[in-house]
Amino acid sequence: MNKNITKKECDICHKTFPVDPRVIKRQHVCDKLQCKLKHKRRYNKQWRARKENIDYFKGRYQNLKQWLKQHPGYLKNYREQKKNASKQKSSDIQVEITPINNNDLSIDAVEIINDIQVEITTNINKGKRRLIKLIADIQVE
């Protein structure tokens, strides 16, 4: 393939998109999340359908049991860490990463911190709404 090509047609939405010159031969879809997800689903389905991969995910339990014997206490520790992490509130995390007491800060610094926190919360909420919309769009397909 000619490396001077800078645009391709997306295999999913059929719109022209600029190609990353480092992966010209391998890039088949545009940067839209929906196109990437659909392409990934197609590829995974093709991969699982290949003769040599049909049983890839079957019979893995024996390997897991053997690995767990070699690493005693792994699952117990893992589950305990997950349990503790889920109990930790976001306000606790904020205290960990901001050990400075607000009383030690100037009024301007406190206002800046509050503005940053509001912006972060706003962006998180926008991201959640965008993600919910994408999931709904994917389920419609």
C-alpha atoms as a PDB file:
ATOM      1  CA  MET A   1       0.000   0.000   0.000  1.00  0.00           C
ATOM      2  CA  ASN A   2       1.227   3.484  -0.796  1.00  0.00           C
ATOM      3  CA  LYS A   3       2.358   5.386   2.327  1.00  0.00           C
ATOM      4  CA  ASN A   4       1.307   8.718   0.795  1.00  0.00           C
ATOM      5  CA  ILE A   5      -2.379   7.850   1.268  1.00  0.00           C
ATOM      6  CA  THR A   6      -3.769  10.038   4.005  1.00  0.00           C
ATOM      7  CA  LYS A   7      -7.466   9.133   3.892  1.00  0.00           C
ATOM      8  CA  LYS A   8      -9.508   5.921   3.872  1.00  0.00           C
ATOM      9  CA  GLU A   9     -13.149   4.947   3.976  1.00  0.00           C
ATOM     10  CA  CYS A  10     -14.415   3.587   7.284  1.00  0.00           C
ATOM     11  CA  ASP A  11     -15.553  -0.051   7.027  1.00  0.00           C
ATOM     12  CA  ILE A  12     -18.471   0.685   9.358  1.00  0.00           C
ATOM     13  CA  CYS A  13     -19.897   4.153   8.611  1.00  0.00           C
ATOM     14  CA  HIS A  14     -18.335   4.459   5.103  1.00  0.00           C
ATOM     15  CA  LYS A  15     -17.193   8.023   5.750  1.00  0.00           C
ATOM     16  CA  THR A  16     -13.723   9.190   4.766  1.00  0.00           C
ATOM     17  CA  PHE A  17     -11.299   9.634   7.648  1.00  0.00           C
ATOM     18  CA  PRO A  18      -7.634  10.634   8.007  1.00  0.00           C
ATOM     19  CA  VAL A  19      -5.356   7.631   8.517  1.00  0.00           C
ATOM     20  CA  ASP A  20      -2.611   7.469  11.096  1.00  0.00           C
ATOM     21  CA  PRO A  21       0.528   7.113   8.936  1.00  0.00           C
ATOM     22  CA  ARG A  22       2.030   4.604  11.394  1.00  0.00           C
ATOM     23  CA  VAL A  23      -0.780   2.074  10.852  1.00  0.00           C
ATOM     24  CA  ILE A  24      -1.995   2.715   7.316  1.00  0.00           C
ATOM     25  CA  LYS A  25      -2.303  -0.978   6.440  1.00  0.00           C
ATOM     26  CA  ARG A  26      -4.077  -1.930   9.672  1.00  0.00           C
ATOM     27  CA  GLN A  27      -6.475   0.959  10.266  1.00  0.00           C
ATOM     28  CA  HIS A  28      -9.923   0.083   8.936  1.00  0.00           C
ATOM     29  CA  VAL A  29     -12.272   2.314  10.910  1.00  0.00           C
ATOM     30  CA  CYS A  30     -12.522   5.968  11.861  1.00  0.00           C
ATOM     31  CA  ASP A  31     -12.077   7.350  15.378  1.00  0.00           C
ATOM     32  CA  LYS A  32     -15.771   7.202  16.311  1.00  0.00           C
ATOM     33  CA  LEU A  33     -16.317   4.989  19.348  1.00  0.00           C
ATOM     34  CA  GLN A  34     -19.330   3.282  17.769  1.00  0.00           C
ATOM     35  CA  CYS A  35     -17.299   2.295  14.691  1.00  0.00           C
ATOM     36  CA  LYS A  36     -14.455   1.001  16.831  1.00  0.00           C
ATOM     37  CA  LEU A  37     -16.806  -1.068  18.990  1.00  0.00           C
ATOM     38  CA  LYS A  38     -18.643  -2.547  16.014  1.00  0.00           C
ATOM     39  CA  HIS A  39     -15.335  -3.380  14.287  1.00  0.00           C
ATOM     40  CA  LYS A  40     -14.071  -5.052  17.476  1.00  0.00           C
ATOM     41  CA  ARG A  41     -17.256  -7.134  17.772  1.00  0.00           C
ATOM     42  CA  ARG A  42     -16.918  -8.245  14.143  1.00  0.00           C
ATOM     43  CA  TYR A  43     -13.261  -9.138  14.558  1.00  0.00           C
ATOM     44  CA  ASN A  44     -13.874 -11.065  17.790  1.00  0.00           C
ATOM     45  CA  LYS A  45     -16.690 -13.007  16.152  1.00  0.00           C
ATOM     46  CA  GLN A  46     -14.426 -13.911  13.214  1.00  0.00           C
ATOM     47  CA  TRP A  47     -11.604 -14.883  15.570  1.00  0.00           C
ATOM     48  CA  ARG A  48     -13.836 -17.149  17.650  1.00  0.00           C
ATOM     49  CA  ALA A  49     -15.208 -18.792  14.481  1.00  0.00           C
ATOM     50  CA  ARG A  50     -11.758 -19.903  13.287  1.00  0.00           C
ATOM     51  CA  LYS A  51     -11.195 -23.629  13.619  1.00  0.00           C
ATOM     52  CA  GLU A  52      -8.126 -23.294  15.845  1.00  0.00           C
ATOM     53  CA  ASN A  53      -9.881 -20.888  18.243  1.00  0.00           C
ATOM     54  CA  ILE A  54     -13.271 -22.560  18.728  1.00  0.00           C
ATOM     55  CA  ASP A  55     -12.346 -24.195  22.046  1.00  0.00           C
ATOM     56  CA  TYR A  56      -9.952 -21.477  23.207  1.00  0.00           C
ATOM     57  CA  PHE A  57     -12.035 -20.434  26.227  1.00  0.00           C
ATOM     58  CA  LYS A  58     -13.192 -23.954  27.143  1.00  0.00           C
ATOM     59  CA  GLY A  59     -11.483 -26.111  29.720  1.00  0.00           C
ATOM     60  CA  ARG A  60      -9.470 -23.313  31.331  1.00  0.00           C
ATOM     61  CA  TYR A  61     -10.555 -24.221  34.866  1.00  0.00           C
ATOM     62  CA  GLN A  62      -7.814 -26.827  35.356  1.00  0.00           C
ATOM     63  CA  ASN A  63      -5.180 -24.235  34.490  1.00  0.00           C
ATOM     64  CA  LEU A  64      -6.760 -21.815  36.952  1.00  0.00           C
ATOM     65  CA  LYS A  65      -6.835 -24.397  39.739  1.00  0.00           C
ATOM     66  CA  GLN A  66      -3.165 -25.192  39.181  1.00  0.00           C
ATOM     67  CA  TRP A  67      -2.230 -21.495  39.194  1.00  0.00           C
ATOM     68  CA  LEU A  68      -4.193 -20.891  42.412  1.00  0.00           C
ATOM     69  CA  LYS A  69      -2.357 -23.777  44.093  1.00  0.00           C
ATOM     70  CA  GLN A  70       0.931 -22.087  43.224  1.00  0.00           C
ATOM     71  CA  HIS A  71      -0.333 -18.748  44.588  1.00  0.00           C
ATOM     72  CA  PRO A  72      -2.081 -19.546  47.894  1.00  0.00           C
ATOM     73  CA  GLY A  73      -4.160 -16.753  49.388  1.00  0.00           C
ATOM     74  CA  TYR A  74      -4.327 -14.788  46.132  1.00  0.00           C
ATOM     75  CA  LEU A  75      -8.125 -14.880  45.772  1.00  0.00           C
ATOM     76  CA  LYS A  76      -8.711 -14.104  49.442  1.00  0.00           C
ATOM     77  CA  ASN A  77      -6.419 -11.060  49.272  1.00  0.00           C
ATOM     78  CA  TYR A  78      -7.864  -9.935  45.937  1.00  0.00           C
ATOM     79  CA  ARG A  79     -11.448 -10.141  47.189  1.00  0.00           C
ATOM     80  CA  GLU A  80     -10.548  -8.330  50.410  1.00  0.00           C
ATOM     81  CA  GLN A  81      -8.876  -5.497  48.475  1.00  0.00           C
ATOM     82  CA  LYS A  82     -11.901  -5.145  46.184  1.00  0.00           C
ATOM     83  CA  LYS A  83     -14.263  -5.183  49.157  1.00  0.00           C
ATOM     84  CA  ASN A  84     -12.284  -2.455  50.928  1.00  0.00           C
ATOM     85  CA  ALA A  85     -11.950  -0.372  47.768  1.00  0.00           C
ATOM     86  CA  SER A  86     -15.701  -0.411  47.199  1.00  0.00           C
ATOM     87  CA  LYS A  87     -16.322   0.739  50.766  1.00  0.00           C
ATOM     88  CA  GLN A  88     -13.966   3.689  50.405  1.00  0.00           C
ATOM     89  CA  LYS A  89     -15.955   6.790  49.560  1.00  0.00           C
ATOM     90  CA  SER A  90     -14.822   9.389  47.065  1.00  0.00           C
ATOM     91  CA  SER A  91     -14.572  11.913  49.881  1.00  0.00           C
ATOM     92  CA  ASP A  92     -12.063   9.601  51.621  1.00  0.00           C
ATOM     93  CA  ILE A  93     -10.033   9.463  48.429  1.00  0.00           C
ATOM     94  CA  GLN A  94     -10.124  13.268  48.220  1.00  0.00           C
ATOM     95  CA  VAL A  95      -8.733  13.470  51.769  1.00  0.00           C
ATOM     96  CA  GLU A  96      -5.920  11.076  50.797  1.00  0.00           C
ATOM     97  CA  ILE A  97      -4.866  13.054  47.745  1.00  0.00           C
ATOM     98  CA  THR A  98      -5.334  16.478  49.350  1.00  0.00           C
ATOM     99  CA  PRO A  99      -3.676  16.246  52.762  1.00  0.00           C
ATOM    100  CA  ILE A 100      -3.627  20.049  53.122  1.00  0.00           C
ATOM    101  CA  ASN A 101      -6.232  21.390  55.487  1.00  0.00           C
ATOM    102  CA  ASN A 102      -8.368  24.146  53.961  1.00  0.00           C
ATOM    103  CA  ASN A 103      -7.652  26.306  57.029  1.00  0.00           C
ATOM    104  CA  ASP A 104      -4.000  26.444  55.943  1.00  0.00           C
ATOM    105  CA  LEU A 105      -4.925  27.823  52.500  1.00  0.00           C
ATOM    106  CA  SER A 106      -5.752  31.333  51.384  1.00  0.00           C
ATOM    107  CA  ILE A 107      -9.310  32.148  50.357  1.00  0.00           C
ATOM    108  CA  ASP A 108      -8.206  32.351  46.704  1.00  0.00           C
ATOM    109  CA  ALA A 109      -6.650  28.881  46.849  1.00  0.00           C
ATOM    110  CA  VAL A 110      -9.811  27.416  48.401  1.00  0.00           C
ATOM    111  CA  GLU A 111     -11.926  29.030  45.666  1.00  0.00           C
ATOM    112  CA  ILE A 112      -9.639  27.599  42.970  1.00  0.00           C
ATOM    113  CA  ILE A 113      -9.849  24.130  44.523  1.00  0.00           C
ATOM    114  CA  ASN A 114     -13.644  24.398  44.688  1.00  0.00           C
ATOM    115  CA  ASP A 115     -13.780  25.497  41.039  1.00  0.00           C
ATOM    116  CA  ILE A 116     -11.631  22.529  40.035  1.00  0.00           C
ATOM    117  CA  GLN A 117     -13.850  20.135  41.985  1.00  0.00           C
ATOM    118  CA  VAL A 118     -16.982  21.559  40.339  1.00  0.00           C
ATOM    119  CA  GLU A 119     -15.387  21.221  36.901  1.00  0.00           C
ATOM    120  CA  ILE A 120     -14.356  17.614  37.591  1.00  0.00           C
ATOM    121  CA  THR A 121     -17.854  16.726  38.797  1.00  0.00           C
ATOM    122  CA  THR A 122     -19.409  18.398  35.758  1.00  0.00           C
ATOM    123  CA  ASN A 123     -17.116  16.512  33.378  1.00  0.00           C
ATOM    124  CA  ILE A 124     -17.841  13.216  35.128  1.00  0.00           C
ATOM    125  CA  ASN A 125     -21.574  13.806  34.802  1.00  0.00           C
ATOM    126  CA  LYS A 126     -21.213  14.750  31.111  1.00  0.00           C
ATOM    127  CA  GLY A 127     -19.169  11.593  30.549  1.00  0.00           C
ATOM    128  CA  LYS A 128     -21.804   9.457  32.273  1.00  0.00           C
ATOM    129  CA  ARG A 129     -24.557  10.927  30.108  1.00  0.00           C
ATOM    130  CA  ARG A 130     -22.485  10.400  26.955  1.00  0.00           C
ATOM    131  CA  LEU A 131     -21.745   6.801  27.939  1.00  0.00           C
ATOM    132  CA  ILE A 132     -25.415   6.066  28.653  1.00  0.00           C
ATOM    133  CA  LYS A 133     -26.353   7.494  25.250  1.00  0.00           C
ATOM    134  CA  LEU A 134     -23.685   5.378  23.502  1.00  0.00           C
ATOM    135  CA  ILE A 135     -24.858   2.233  25.256  1.00  0.00           C
ATOM    136  CA  ALA A 136     -28.435   2.977  24.258  1.00  0.00           C
ATOM    137  CA  ASP A 137     -27.359   3.560  20.645  1.00  0.00           C
ATOM    138  CA  ILE A 138     -25.410   0.289  20.592  1.00  0.00           C
ATOM    139  CA  GLN A 139     -28.388  -1.647  21.985  1.00  0.00           C
ATOM    140  CA  VAL A 140     -30.594  -0.221  19.239  1.00  0.00           C
ATOM    141  CA  GLU A 141     -28.253  -1.649  16.566  1.00  0.00           C
END
